[in-house]
Amino acid sequence: MNKGLKILIPGLAVALAAGCGGGGGGDGSPAASDPELAAITAANAEDISGDVLDNVEDTAELGRFGDFGGMGVAAAPADPSLSKAAVAAATKAGTAQSGGLRTIMSAAFELTEAPCEVSGTVSISADLRSNDSLSAGDYIEFSFNACDNGDGEIVDGRVAWTIQSFSGDPDTGFFRLGARLNFDNLTATEGSETGRINGAIDSLVDTESYPLISASQSGDRLSISDGVHTVVMEDWITAVTADESSQPRAYTWDASGSISVPEHGGTVTYNVLETFTGFGENPPDAGVLFIEGKDGGNITITVVSQGQVQIDVDYEGDGVVDDSKLVAWEDLDD
């Protein structure tokens, strides 16, 4: 697997299977294309398996409004002075694991531009009906200009979200929130590496039934780049749940879509046939993922135990397994 296909979304520190980046425009979504399907071979089957698994896991993080562990208790209050560049740009435009909706809303109401901690600036603009709650049609935009907050990343570009639906209370952290996040040429540079994301994500987060929390992320087309390699996600959705009543918390995830794997010659589709389940930060203990490429060639990834999966490959797409092997989860997911 090409481990260069990674990017840090500002504030998340979440590794993403990387993708393509062009300049943003309109809603930030790149132009559509007709992808060539990748042939699945003995040389690339394990690498494709790892790339898709990385993507599916990481899209569960995209667009997430706060960490599951904190959302059911209370959203963190905003700093009344909104110092430190509006609480580090409202904790990097709502994609981080802390900060809360109230921080974002307060920043949108009270700040237009602020210097970042080390250098650069962040600008915030918004159209909110109220500073007490959110409602459909509310809009918040964060624009980063060489923003360095001393966390190892220099951020440029724009991320905006439009509220599609909202119920609940942003102060308690019990709410149901639907929003579209638009990434317009958003880059994060760390050392000599620059990641770039363009496109839109529809995000739905529901904490109203805490301790059961659910979230889904989806999109028509999303592109992410590490400056060298390219992956484009199309017609994708990832849905996750977390049950905080168990310790460690129980989780599930389902997913489907397509993802380009250009170093392997094209695009593959993927679909979770059996929901992945697990606990805490541990690898899943159950789940089946199906991947299909050119001429029906396919890969079936089955979790056989926590930390181990079986990869069955059908190169011709004729229903006959041509190759099968056991692989450690950590060898695919890194």
C-alpha atoms as a PDB file:
ATOM      1  CA  MET A   1       0.000   0.000   0.000  1.00  0.00           C
ATOM      2  CA  ASN A   2       1.216   3.480  -0.756  1.00  0.00           C
ATOM      3  CA  LYS A   3       1.574   5.064   2.655  1.00  0.00           C
ATOM      4  CA  GLY A   4       2.051   8.439   0.995  1.00  0.00           C
ATOM      5  CA  LEU A   5      -1.730   8.586   0.540  1.00  0.00           C
ATOM      6  CA  LYS A   6      -2.300  10.419   3.810  1.00  0.00           C
ATOM      7  CA  ILE A   7      -3.377  13.919   4.811  1.00  0.00           C
ATOM      8  CA  LEU A   8      -4.039  15.674   8.085  1.00  0.00           C
ATOM      9  CA  ILE A   9      -7.299  17.598   8.041  1.00  0.00           C
ATOM     10  CA  PRO A  10      -6.643  20.648  10.228  1.00  0.00           C
ATOM     11  CA  GLY A  11      -7.352  19.928  13.878  1.00  0.00           C
ATOM     12  CA  LEU A  12      -8.333  16.322  13.324  1.00  0.00           C
ATOM     13  CA  ALA A  13      -4.941  14.647  13.108  1.00  0.00           C
ATOM     14  CA  VAL A  14      -6.810  11.956  11.187  1.00  0.00           C
ATOM     15  CA  ALA A  15      -4.982  10.120   8.420  1.00  0.00           C
ATOM     16  CA  LEU A  16      -7.026   9.941   5.245  1.00  0.00           C
ATOM     17  CA  ALA A  17      -6.562   7.803   2.188  1.00  0.00           C
ATOM     18  CA  ALA A  18      -5.591  10.594  -0.154  1.00  0.00           C
ATOM     19  CA  GLY A  19      -7.213  11.893  -3.299  1.00  0.00           C
ATOM     20  CA  CYS A  20      -7.099  14.412  -6.079  1.00  0.00           C
ATOM     21  CA  GLY A  21      -7.166  18.160  -5.779  1.00  0.00           C
ATOM     22  CA  GLY A  22      -8.100  20.853  -8.225  1.00  0.00           C
ATOM     23  CA  GLY A  23      -9.034  24.436  -7.566  1.00  0.00           C
ATOM     24  CA  GLY A  24     -12.349  24.900  -5.815  1.00  0.00           C
ATOM     25  CA  GLY A  25     -15.311  26.601  -7.382  1.00  0.00           C
ATOM     26  CA  GLY A  26     -19.033  26.767  -6.726  1.00  0.00           C
ATOM     27  CA  ASP A  27     -19.605  24.213  -3.990  1.00  0.00           C
ATOM     28  CA  GLY A  28     -15.962  23.142  -4.211  1.00  0.00           C
ATOM     29  CA  SER A  29     -16.727  19.880  -6.010  1.00  0.00           C
ATOM     30  CA  PRO A  30     -14.407  18.878  -8.835  1.00  0.00           C
ATOM     31  CA  ALA A  31     -15.817  18.085 -12.254  1.00  0.00           C
ATOM     32  CA  ALA A  32     -17.229  14.614 -12.807  1.00  0.00           C
ATOM     33  CA  SER A  33     -15.493  12.014 -14.938  1.00  0.00           C
ATOM     34  CA  ASP A  34     -15.965   8.456 -16.170  1.00  0.00           C
ATOM     35  CA  PRO A  35     -13.373   6.483 -14.207  1.00  0.00           C
ATOM     36  CA  GLU A  36     -11.536   3.513 -15.629  1.00  0.00           C
ATOM     37  CA  LEU A  37     -11.935   0.433 -13.448  1.00  0.00           C
ATOM     38  CA  ALA A  38      -8.744  -1.000 -12.010  1.00  0.00           C
ATOM     39  CA  ALA A  39      -7.804  -4.591 -12.758  1.00  0.00           C
ATOM     40  CA  ILE A  40      -7.374  -6.632  -9.583  1.00  0.00           C
ATOM     41  CA  THR A  41      -4.214  -8.740  -9.752  1.00  0.00           C
ATOM     42  CA  ALA A  42      -2.056 -10.855  -7.482  1.00  0.00           C
ATOM     43  CA  ALA A  43       0.384  -7.956  -7.308  1.00  0.00           C
ATOM     44  CA  ASN A  44      -2.105  -5.323  -6.129  1.00  0.00           C
ATOM     45  CA  ALA A  45      -4.970  -7.106  -4.335  1.00  0.00           C
ATOM     46  CA  GLU A  46      -3.573  -6.622  -0.840  1.00  0.00           C
ATOM     47  CA  ASP A  47      -2.602  -3.001  -1.511  1.00  0.00           C
ATOM     48  CA  ILE A  48      -6.071  -2.179  -2.871  1.00  0.00           C
ATOM     49  CA  SER A  49      -7.623  -3.874   0.154  1.00  0.00           C
ATOM     50  CA  GLY A  50      -5.595  -1.692   2.484  1.00  0.00           C
ATOM     51  CA  ASP A  51      -6.294   1.509   0.562  1.00  0.00           C
ATOM     52  CA  VAL A  52     -10.055   0.926   0.608  1.00  0.00           C
ATOM     53  CA  LEU A  53     -10.097  -0.082   4.280  1.00  0.00           C
ATOM     54  CA  ASP A  54      -8.145   3.063   5.150  1.00  0.00           C
ATOM     55  CA  ASN A  55     -10.630   5.133   3.201  1.00  0.00           C
ATOM     56  CA  VAL A  56     -13.703   3.583   4.784  1.00  0.00           C
ATOM     57  CA  GLU A  57     -12.386   3.985   8.318  1.00  0.00           C
ATOM     58  CA  ASP A  58     -11.204   7.519   7.766  1.00  0.00           C
ATOM     59  CA  THR A  59     -14.386   8.782   6.135  1.00  0.00           C
ATOM     60  CA  ALA A  60     -16.083   7.900   9.402  1.00  0.00           C
ATOM     61  CA  GLU A  61     -14.117  10.832  10.831  1.00  0.00           C
ATOM     62  CA  LEU A  62     -14.733  13.334   8.049  1.00  0.00           C
ATOM     63  CA  GLY A  63     -17.069  16.153   8.921  1.00  0.00           C
ATOM     64  CA  ARG A  64     -17.506  14.927  12.467  1.00  0.00           C
ATOM     65  CA  PHE A  65     -18.685  17.669  14.832  1.00  0.00           C
ATOM     66  CA  GLY A  66     -16.823  16.811  18.007  1.00  0.00           C
ATOM     67  CA  ASP A  67     -15.562  13.601  19.524  1.00  0.00           C
ATOM     68  CA  PHE A  68     -18.184  10.953  20.304  1.00  0.00           C
ATOM     69  CA  GLY A  69     -16.979  10.803  23.886  1.00  0.00           C
ATOM     70  CA  GLY A  70     -17.714  14.472  24.547  1.00  0.00           C
ATOM     71  CA  MET A  71     -20.834  15.150  22.562  1.00  0.00           C
ATOM     72  CA  GLY A  72     -23.235  13.384  24.881  1.00  0.00           C
ATOM     73  CA  VAL A  73     -22.091  15.333  27.921  1.00  0.00           C
ATOM     74  CA  ALA A  74     -21.725  18.967  26.967  1.00  0.00           C
ATOM     75  CA  ALA A  75     -20.283  21.088  24.206  1.00  0.00           C
ATOM     76  CA  ALA A  76     -17.229  22.959  25.385  1.00  0.00           C
ATOM     77  CA  PRO A  77     -17.972  26.646  26.017  1.00  0.00           C
ATOM     78  CA  ALA A  78     -16.372  29.318  23.929  1.00  0.00           C
ATOM     79  CA  ASP A  79     -13.687  31.478  25.385  1.00  0.00           C
ATOM     80  CA  PRO A  80     -15.561  34.746  26.090  1.00  0.00           C
ATOM     81  CA  SER A  81     -12.728  36.769  24.624  1.00  0.00           C
ATOM     82  CA  LEU A  82     -12.367  34.429  21.651  1.00  0.00           C
ATOM     83  CA  SER A  83      -8.622  34.781  21.888  1.00  0.00           C
ATOM     84  CA  LYS A  84      -6.102  32.384  20.400  1.00  0.00           C
ATOM     85  CA  ALA A  85      -7.424  33.069  16.921  1.00  0.00           C
ATOM     86  CA  ALA A  86     -11.036  32.422  17.839  1.00  0.00           C
ATOM     87  CA  VAL A  87     -10.236  29.280  19.769  1.00  0.00           C
ATOM     88  CA  ALA A  88      -8.010  28.114  16.932  1.00  0.00           C
ATOM     89  CA  ALA A  89     -10.614  29.084  14.346  1.00  0.00           C
ATOM     90  CA  ALA A  90     -13.444  27.485  16.287  1.00  0.00           C
ATOM     91  CA  THR A  91     -11.362  24.365  16.578  1.00  0.00           C
ATOM     92  CA  LYS A  92     -10.544  24.248  12.907  1.00  0.00           C
ATOM     93  CA  ALA A  93     -13.984  24.889  11.489  1.00  0.00           C
ATOM     94  CA  GLY A  94     -15.862  22.257  13.423  1.00  0.00           C
ATOM     95  CA  THR A  95     -13.904  19.239  12.240  1.00  0.00           C
ATOM     96  CA  ALA A  96     -11.861  18.814  15.390  1.00  0.00           C
ATOM     97  CA  GLN A  97     -12.461  16.623  18.399  1.00  0.00           C
ATOM     98  CA  SER A  98     -13.229  19.408  20.845  1.00  0.00           C
ATOM     99  CA  GLY A  99     -14.633  22.905  20.910  1.00  0.00           C
ATOM    100  CA  GLY A 100     -18.327  22.318  20.500  1.00  0.00           C
ATOM    101  CA  LEU A 101     -21.014  24.063  18.511  1.00  0.00           C
ATOM    102  CA  ARG A 102     -21.207  26.986  20.910  1.00  0.00           C
ATOM    103  CA  THR A 103     -17.561  27.835  20.234  1.00  0.00           C
ATOM    104  CA  ILE A 104     -18.192  27.850  16.502  1.00  0.00           C
ATOM    105  CA  MET A 105     -21.350  29.935  16.805  1.00  0.00           C
ATOM    106  CA  SER A 106     -19.723  32.471  19.111  1.00  0.00           C
ATOM    107  CA  ALA A 107     -16.748  32.841  16.815  1.00  0.00           C
ATOM    108  CA  ALA A 108     -19.044  33.364  13.843  1.00  0.00           C
ATOM    109  CA  PHE A 109     -20.933  36.114  15.643  1.00  0.00           C
ATOM    110  CA  GLU A 110     -18.043  37.916  17.263  1.00  0.00           C
ATOM    111  CA  LEU A 111     -15.034  37.659  14.955  1.00  0.00           C
ATOM    112  CA  THR A 112     -14.320  38.677  11.378  1.00  0.00           C
ATOM    113  CA  GLU A 113     -10.531  38.300  11.257  1.00  0.00           C
ATOM    114  CA  ALA A 114      -7.849  37.383  13.759  1.00  0.00           C
ATOM    115  CA  PRO A 115      -4.124  36.721  13.683  1.00  0.00           C
ATOM    116  CA  CYS A 116      -3.102  33.114  14.132  1.00  0.00           C
ATOM    117  CA  GLU A 117      -0.860  32.257  17.071  1.00  0.00           C
ATOM    118  CA  VAL A 118       2.432  32.232  15.154  1.00  0.00           C
ATOM    119  CA  SER A 119       1.686  33.847  11.796  1.00  0.00           C
ATOM    120  CA  GLY A 120      -1.035  34.277   9.198  1.00  0.00           C
ATOM    121  CA  THR A 121      -4.705  35.027   9.738  1.00  0.00           C
ATOM    122  CA  VAL A 122      -8.117  33.402   9.828  1.00  0.00           C
ATOM    123  CA  SER A 123     -11.297  35.133   8.705  1.00  0.00           C
ATOM    124  CA  ILE A 124     -14.796  34.095   9.708  1.00  0.00           C
ATOM    125  CA  SER A 125     -18.022  35.157   8.046  1.00  0.00           C
ATOM    126  CA  ALA A 126     -21.499  33.931   8.786  1.00  0.00           C
ATOM    127  CA  ASP A 127     -25.194  34.332   8.208  1.00  0.00           C
ATOM    128  CA  LEU A 128     -26.905  33.047  11.356  1.00  0.00           C
ATOM    129  CA  ARG A 129     -30.459  33.753  12.350  1.00  0.00           C
ATOM    130  CA  SER A 130     -29.681  33.549  16.064  1.00  0.00           C
ATOM    131  CA  ASN A 131     -26.760  33.238  18.423  1.00  0.00           C
ATOM    132  CA  ASP A 132     -28.812  30.910  20.638  1.00  0.00           C
ATOM    133  CA  SER A 133     -29.285  28.019  18.244  1.00  0.00           C
ATOM    134  CA  LEU A 134     -28.826  26.850  14.670  1.00  0.00           C
ATOM    135  CA  SER A 135     -31.450  26.521  11.961  1.00  0.00           C
ATOM    136  CA  ALA A 136     -31.687  25.349   8.369  1.00  0.00           C
ATOM    137  CA  GLY A 137     -29.992  27.793   6.017  1.00  0.00           C
ATOM    138  CA  ASP A 138     -27.438  29.114   8.518  1.00  0.00           C
ATOM    139  CA  TYR A 139     -24.011  29.528   6.949  1.00  0.00           C
ATOM    140  CA  ILE A 140     -20.530  29.793   8.447  1.00  0.00           C
ATOM    141  CA  GLU A 141     -17.296  30.154   6.491  1.00  0.00           C
ATOM    142  CA  PHE A 142     -13.693  29.972   7.688  1.00  0.00           C
ATOM    143  CA  SER A 143     -10.918  31.280   5.439  1.00  0.00           C
ATOM    144  CA  PHE A 144      -7.327  30.500   6.388  1.00  0.00           C
ATOM    145  CA  ASN A 145      -4.410  32.574   5.084  1.00  0.00           C
ATOM    146  CA  ALA A 146      -1.075  30.875   5.854  1.00  0.00           C
ATOM    147  CA  CYS A 147      -2.440  30.256   9.342  1.00  0.00           C
ATOM    148  CA  ASP A 148       0.103  28.828  11.776  1.00  0.00           C
ATOM    149  CA  ASN A 149      -1.253  28.177  15.266  1.00  0.00           C
ATOM    150  CA  GLY A 150       1.872  26.434  16.460  1.00  0.00           C
ATOM    151  CA  ASP A 151       0.400  22.938  16.067  1.00  0.00           C
ATOM    152  CA  GLY A 152       2.768  21.891  13.303  1.00  0.00           C
ATOM    153  CA  GLU A 153       0.489  22.789  10.384  1.00  0.00           C
ATOM    154  CA  ILE A 154       0.190  25.811   8.133  1.00  0.00           C
ATOM    155  CA  VAL A 155      -3.353  26.044   6.782  1.00  0.00           C
ATOM    156  CA  ASP A 156      -4.642  27.801   3.673  1.00  0.00           C
ATOM    157  CA  GLY A 157      -7.965  27.813   1.911  1.00  0.00           C
ATOM    158  CA  ARG A 158     -11.607  27.765   2.839  1.00  0.00           C
ATOM    159  CA  VAL A 159     -14.029  25.499   4.645  1.00  0.00           C
ATOM    160  CA  ALA A 160     -17.689  26.436   4.952  1.00  0.00           C
ATOM    161  CA  TRP A 161     -20.730  24.704   6.291  1.00  0.00           C
ATOM    162  CA  THR A 162     -24.372  25.222   5.555  1.00  0.00           C
ATOM    163  CA  ILE A 163     -26.855  23.954   8.118  1.00  0.00           C
ATOM    164  CA  GLN A 164     -29.452  21.663   6.550  1.00  0.00           C
ATOM    165  CA  SER A 165     -31.325  20.711   9.730  1.00  0.00           C
ATOM    166  CA  PHE A 166     -30.963  21.160  13.479  1.00  0.00           C
ATOM    167  CA  SER A 167     -32.817  20.156  16.616  1.00  0.00           C
ATOM    168  CA  GLY A 168     -31.738  20.047  20.238  1.00  0.00           C
ATOM    169  CA  ASP A 169     -29.496  22.272  22.334  1.00  0.00           C
ATOM    170  CA  PRO A 170     -25.954  23.254  21.316  1.00  0.00           C
ATOM    171  CA  ASP A 171     -25.066  24.009  24.957  1.00  0.00           C
ATOM    172  CA  THR A 172     -25.837  20.536  26.291  1.00  0.00           C
ATOM    173  CA  GLY A 173     -24.404  18.612  23.373  1.00  0.00           C
ATOM    174  CA  PHE A 174     -27.659  16.699  22.817  1.00  0.00           C
ATOM    175  CA  PHE A 175     -28.695  17.504  19.252  1.00  0.00           C
ATOM    176  CA  ARG A 176     -29.338  16.289  15.728  1.00  0.00           C
ATOM    177  CA  LEU A 177     -27.366  18.237  13.146  1.00  0.00           C
ATOM    178  CA  GLY A 178     -27.343  17.961   9.373  1.00  0.00           C
ATOM    179  CA  ALA A 179     -24.844  20.104   7.493  1.00  0.00           C
ATOM    180  CA  ARG A 180     -22.955  20.315   4.224  1.00  0.00           C
ATOM    181  CA  LEU A 181     -19.244  21.016   4.513  1.00  0.00           C
ATOM    182  CA  ASN A 182     -17.618  22.576   1.463  1.00  0.00           C
ATOM    183  CA  PHE A 183     -13.840  22.364   1.211  1.00  0.00           C
ATOM    184  CA  ASP A 184     -12.439  24.872  -1.266  1.00  0.00           C
ATOM    185  CA  ASN A 185      -8.763  24.248  -1.939  1.00  0.00           C
ATOM    186  CA  LEU A 186      -8.114  23.676   1.764  1.00  0.00           C
ATOM    187  CA  THR A 187      -4.474  22.769   2.350  1.00  0.00           C
ATOM    188  CA  ALA A 188      -2.498  21.736   5.399  1.00  0.00           C
ATOM    189  CA  THR A 189       1.287  21.844   5.152  1.00  0.00           C
ATOM    190  CA  GLU A 190       3.381  19.955   7.663  1.00  0.00           C
ATOM    191  CA  GLY A 191       7.090  20.110   6.997  1.00  0.00           C
ATOM    192  CA  SER A 192       7.644  19.308   3.337  1.00  0.00           C
ATOM    193  CA  GLU A 193       4.258  17.616   2.868  1.00  0.00           C
ATOM    194  CA  THR A 194       1.081  19.379   1.787  1.00  0.00           C
ATOM    195  CA  GLY A 195      -2.356  17.808   1.765  1.00  0.00           C
ATOM    196  CA  ARG A 196      -5.245  19.299  -0.170  1.00  0.00           C
ATOM    197  CA  ILE A 197      -8.994  18.662  -0.084  1.00  0.00           C
ATOM    198  CA  ASN A 198     -11.731  19.861  -2.422  1.00  0.00           C
ATOM    199  CA  GLY A 199     -15.385  18.942  -2.551  1.00  0.00           C
ATOM    200  CA  ALA A 200     -18.422  18.640  -0.349  1.00  0.00           C
ATOM    201  CA  ILE A 201     -19.472  16.349   2.476  1.00  0.00           C
ATOM    202  CA  ASP A 202     -23.018  15.940   3.763  1.00  0.00           C
ATOM    203  CA  SER A 203     -22.774  15.203   7.460  1.00  0.00           C
ATOM    204  CA  LEU A 204     -25.493  14.062   9.857  1.00  0.00           C
ATOM    205  CA  VAL A 205     -24.765  13.704  13.580  1.00  0.00           C
ATOM    206  CA  ASP A 206     -27.339  12.564  16.134  1.00  0.00           C
ATOM    207  CA  THR A 207     -26.581  12.602  19.878  1.00  0.00           C
ATOM    208  CA  GLU A 208     -30.179  12.991  21.066  1.00  0.00           C
ATOM    209  CA  SER A 209     -30.388   9.294  22.016  1.00  0.00           C
ATOM    210  CA  TYR A 210     -27.182   9.348  24.040  1.00  0.00           C
ATOM    211  CA  PRO A 211     -25.490   7.061  25.057  1.00  0.00           C
ATOM    212  CA  LEU A 212     -26.213   5.808  21.530  1.00  0.00           C
ATOM    213  CA  ILE A 213     -24.663   8.208  19.023  1.00  0.00           C
ATOM    214  CA  SER A 214     -24.863   7.955  15.245  1.00  0.00           C
ATOM    215  CA  ALA A 215     -23.227   9.819  12.396  1.00  0.00           C
ATOM    216  CA  SER A 216     -23.041   9.556   8.636  1.00  0.00           C
ATOM    217  CA  GLN A 217     -20.852  11.246   6.053  1.00  0.00           C
ATOM    218  CA  SER A 218     -21.604  11.118   2.335  1.00  0.00           C
ATOM    219  CA  GLY A 219     -20.897  12.875  -0.923  1.00  0.00           C
ATOM    220  CA  ASP A 220     -21.180  12.791  -4.688  1.00  0.00           C
ATOM    221  CA  ARG A 221     -17.507  13.504  -5.233  1.00  0.00           C
ATOM    222  CA  LEU A 222     -14.595  14.387  -2.969  1.00  0.00           C
ATOM    223  CA  SER A 223     -10.951  14.832  -3.851  1.00  0.00           C
ATOM    224  CA  ILE A 224      -7.936  14.751  -1.585  1.00  0.00           C
ATOM    225  CA  SER A 225      -4.266  15.019  -2.519  1.00  0.00           C
ATOM    226  CA  ASP A 226      -0.904  14.657  -0.851  1.00  0.00           C
ATOM    227  CA  GLY A 227       0.728  16.607  -3.679  1.00  0.00           C
ATOM    228  CA  VAL A 228       1.909  13.468  -5.479  1.00  0.00           C
ATOM    229  CA  HIS A 229      -0.821  10.835  -5.404  1.00  0.00           C
ATOM    230  CA  THR A 230      -4.483  11.169  -6.201  1.00  0.00           C
ATOM    231  CA  VAL A 231      -7.660   9.480  -5.021  1.00  0.00           C
ATOM    232  CA  VAL A 232     -11.209  10.554  -5.861  1.00  0.00           C
ATOM    233  CA  MET A 233     -14.215   9.313  -3.903  1.00  0.00           C
ATOM    234  CA  GLU A 234     -17.583   9.205  -5.671  1.00  0.00           C
ATOM    235  CA  ASP A 235     -21.150   8.383  -4.605  1.00  0.00           C
ATOM    236  CA  TRP A 236     -19.935   7.371  -1.179  1.00  0.00           C
ATOM    237  CA  ILE A 237     -21.476   7.055   2.252  1.00  0.00           C
ATOM    238  CA  THR A 238     -20.086   5.945   5.594  1.00  0.00           C
ATOM    239  CA  ALA A 239     -22.365   5.457   8.603  1.00  0.00           C
ATOM    240  CA  VAL A 240     -21.119   4.869  12.136  1.00  0.00           C
ATOM    241  CA  THR A 241     -22.608   4.372  15.583  1.00  0.00           C
ATOM    242  CA  ALA A 242     -21.087   4.456  19.045  1.00  0.00           C
ATOM    243  CA  ASP A 243     -22.651   3.104  22.222  1.00  0.00           C
ATOM    244  CA  GLU A 244     -21.197   4.908  25.230  1.00  0.00           C
ATOM    245  CA  SER A 245     -23.029   2.639  27.682  1.00  0.00           C
ATOM    246  CA  SER A 246     -20.370  -0.046  27.234  1.00  0.00           C
ATOM    247  CA  GLN A 247     -16.767   0.271  28.339  1.00  0.00           C
ATOM    248  CA  PRO A 248     -14.951   0.377  26.086  1.00  0.00           C
ATOM    249  CA  ARG A 249     -17.657   1.828  23.879  1.00  0.00           C
ATOM    250  CA  ALA A 250     -19.093  -0.370  21.156  1.00  0.00           C
ATOM    251  CA  TYR A 251     -18.989   0.832  17.552  1.00  0.00           C
ATOM    252  CA  THR A 252     -20.331  -0.150  14.143  1.00  0.00           C
ATOM    253  CA  TRP A 253     -19.717   1.108  10.630  1.00  0.00           C
ATOM    254  CA  ASP A 254     -21.166   0.532   7.182  1.00  0.00           C
ATOM    255  CA  ALA A 255     -20.016   2.013   3.901  1.00  0.00           C
ATOM    256  CA  SER A 256     -20.307   1.956   0.119  1.00  0.00           C
ATOM    257  CA  GLY A 257     -18.999   3.969  -2.805  1.00  0.00           C
ATOM    258  CA  SER A 258     -16.099   4.098  -5.222  1.00  0.00           C
ATOM    259  CA  ILE A 259     -12.537   5.231  -4.777  1.00  0.00           C
ATOM    260  CA  SER A 260      -9.810   5.729  -7.345  1.00  0.00           C
ATOM    261  CA  VAL A 261      -6.527   3.907  -6.844  1.00  0.00           C
ATOM    262  CA  PRO A 262      -4.501   5.514  -9.623  1.00  0.00           C
ATOM    263  CA  GLU A 263      -1.262   3.757  -8.823  1.00  0.00           C
ATOM    264  CA  HIS A 264      -3.165   0.551  -9.613  1.00  0.00           C
ATOM    265  CA  GLY A 265      -4.731   1.771 -12.829  1.00  0.00           C
ATOM    266  CA  GLY A 266      -8.160   3.129 -12.013  1.00  0.00           C
ATOM    267  CA  THR A 267     -11.148   2.910  -9.690  1.00  0.00           C
ATOM    268  CA  VAL A 268     -12.766   0.229  -7.548  1.00  0.00           C
ATOM    269  CA  THR A 269     -16.204   0.101  -5.956  1.00  0.00           C
ATOM    270  CA  TYR A 270     -16.763  -1.087  -2.402  1.00  0.00           C
ATOM    271  CA  ASN A 271     -19.654  -2.171  -0.235  1.00  0.00           C
ATOM    272  CA  VAL A 272     -19.906  -3.439   3.335  1.00  0.00           C
ATOM    273  CA  LEU A 273     -21.812  -6.730   3.124  1.00  0.00           C
ATOM    274  CA  GLU A 274     -21.841  -7.354   6.880  1.00  0.00           C
ATOM    275  CA  THR A 275     -21.610  -4.477   9.345  1.00  0.00           C
ATOM    276  CA  PHE A 276     -18.235  -3.992  10.996  1.00  0.00           C
ATOM    277  CA  THR A 277     -18.415  -4.085  14.781  1.00  0.00           C
ATOM    278  CA  GLY A 278     -15.903  -3.621  17.557  1.00  0.00           C
ATOM    279  CA  PHE A 279     -15.036  -1.948  20.849  1.00  0.00           C
ATOM    280  CA  GLY A 280     -13.029   1.121  21.776  1.00  0.00           C
ATOM    281  CA  GLU A 281      -9.913   1.723  19.697  1.00  0.00           C
ATOM    282  CA  ASN A 282      -9.554  -1.976  18.897  1.00  0.00           C
ATOM    283  CA  PRO A 283      -9.831  -3.392  15.372  1.00  0.00           C
ATOM    284  CA  PRO A 284     -13.268  -4.738  14.445  1.00  0.00           C
ATOM    285  CA  ASP A 285     -14.164  -8.239  15.575  1.00  0.00           C
ATOM    286  CA  ALA A 286     -16.669  -8.838  12.754  1.00  0.00           C
ATOM    287  CA  GLY A 287     -17.500  -7.481   9.319  1.00  0.00           C
ATOM    288  CA  VAL A 288     -17.259  -8.198   5.582  1.00  0.00           C
ATOM    289  CA  LEU A 289     -16.177  -5.745   2.865  1.00  0.00           C
ATOM    290  CA  PHE A 290     -16.573  -6.441  -0.863  1.00  0.00           C
ATOM    291  CA  ILE A 291     -14.420  -4.661  -3.458  1.00  0.00           C
ATOM    292  CA  GLU A 292     -14.917  -4.922  -7.226  1.00  0.00           C
ATOM    293  CA  GLY A 293     -12.758  -3.792 -10.127  1.00  0.00           C
ATOM    294  CA  LYS A 294     -12.390  -4.355 -13.864  1.00  0.00           C
ATOM    295  CA  ASP A 295     -14.265  -7.255 -15.524  1.00  0.00           C
ATOM    296  CA  GLY A 296     -15.877  -8.233 -12.231  1.00  0.00           C
ATOM    297  CA  GLY A 297     -12.602  -9.061 -10.511  1.00  0.00           C
ATOM    298  CA  ASN A 298     -13.213  -8.766  -6.788  1.00  0.00           C
ATOM    299  CA  ILE A 299     -11.874  -8.993  -3.270  1.00  0.00           C
ATOM    300  CA  THR A 300     -13.805 -10.080  -0.177  1.00  0.00           C
ATOM    301  CA  ILE A 301     -12.322  -9.013   3.164  1.00  0.00           C
ATOM    302  CA  THR A 302     -13.714 -10.909   6.136  1.00  0.00           C
ATOM    303  CA  VAL A 303     -12.819 -10.247   9.759  1.00  0.00           C
ATOM    304  CA  VAL A 304     -12.077 -13.663  11.269  1.00  0.00           C
ATOM    305  CA  SER A 305     -10.908 -12.440  14.675  1.00  0.00           C
ATOM    306  CA  GLN A 306     -10.010  -9.164  16.311  1.00  0.00           C
ATOM    307  CA  GLY A 307      -6.847  -8.099  14.530  1.00  0.00           C
ATOM    308  CA  GLN A 308      -6.985 -10.609  11.683  1.00  0.00           C
ATOM    309  CA  VAL A 309      -8.825 -10.684   8.337  1.00  0.00           C
ATOM    310  CA  GLN A 310      -9.123 -13.135   5.469  1.00  0.00           C
ATOM    311  CA  ILE A 311      -8.694 -11.799   1.940  1.00  0.00           C
ATOM    312  CA  ASP A 312     -10.365 -13.868  -0.796  1.00  0.00           C
ATOM    313  CA  VAL A 313      -9.611 -12.793  -4.367  1.00  0.00           C
ATOM    314  CA  ASP A 314     -11.516 -13.694  -7.539  1.00  0.00           C
ATOM    315  CA  TYR A 315      -9.403 -12.321 -10.389  1.00  0.00           C
ATOM    316  CA  GLU A 316     -11.780 -13.243 -13.241  1.00  0.00           C
ATOM    317  CA  GLY A 317     -15.064 -12.422 -11.518  1.00  0.00           C
ATOM    318  CA  ASP A 318     -16.371 -15.931 -12.176  1.00  0.00           C
ATOM    319  CA  GLY A 319     -17.331 -16.694  -8.590  1.00  0.00           C
ATOM    320  CA  VAL A 320     -14.276 -18.860  -7.960  1.00  0.00           C
ATOM    321  CA  VAL A 321     -11.796 -17.802  -5.264  1.00  0.00           C
ATOM    322  CA  ASP A 322      -8.370 -17.841  -6.906  1.00  0.00           C
ATOM    323  CA  ASP A 323      -6.316 -16.731  -3.928  1.00  0.00           C
ATOM    324  CA  SER A 324      -6.918 -16.572  -0.196  1.00  0.00           C
ATOM    325  CA  LYS A 325      -4.734 -15.447   2.681  1.00  0.00           C
ATOM    326  CA  LEU A 326      -4.876 -14.337   6.313  1.00  0.00           C
ATOM    327  CA  VAL A 327      -3.554 -10.834   6.989  1.00  0.00           C
ATOM    328  CA  ALA A 328      -3.126  -8.867  10.201  1.00  0.00           C
ATOM    329  CA  TRP A 329      -5.487  -5.872  10.401  1.00  0.00           C
ATOM    330  CA  GLU A 330      -2.613  -3.594  11.320  1.00  0.00           C
ATOM    331  CA  ASP A 331      -0.792  -4.561   8.117  1.00  0.00           C
ATOM    332  CA  LEU A 332      -3.740  -3.270   6.073  1.00  0.00           C
ATOM    333  CA  ASP A 333      -4.705  -0.330   8.271  1.00  0.00           C
ATOM    334  CA  ASP A 334      -1.559   1.784   8.578  1.00  0.00           C
END
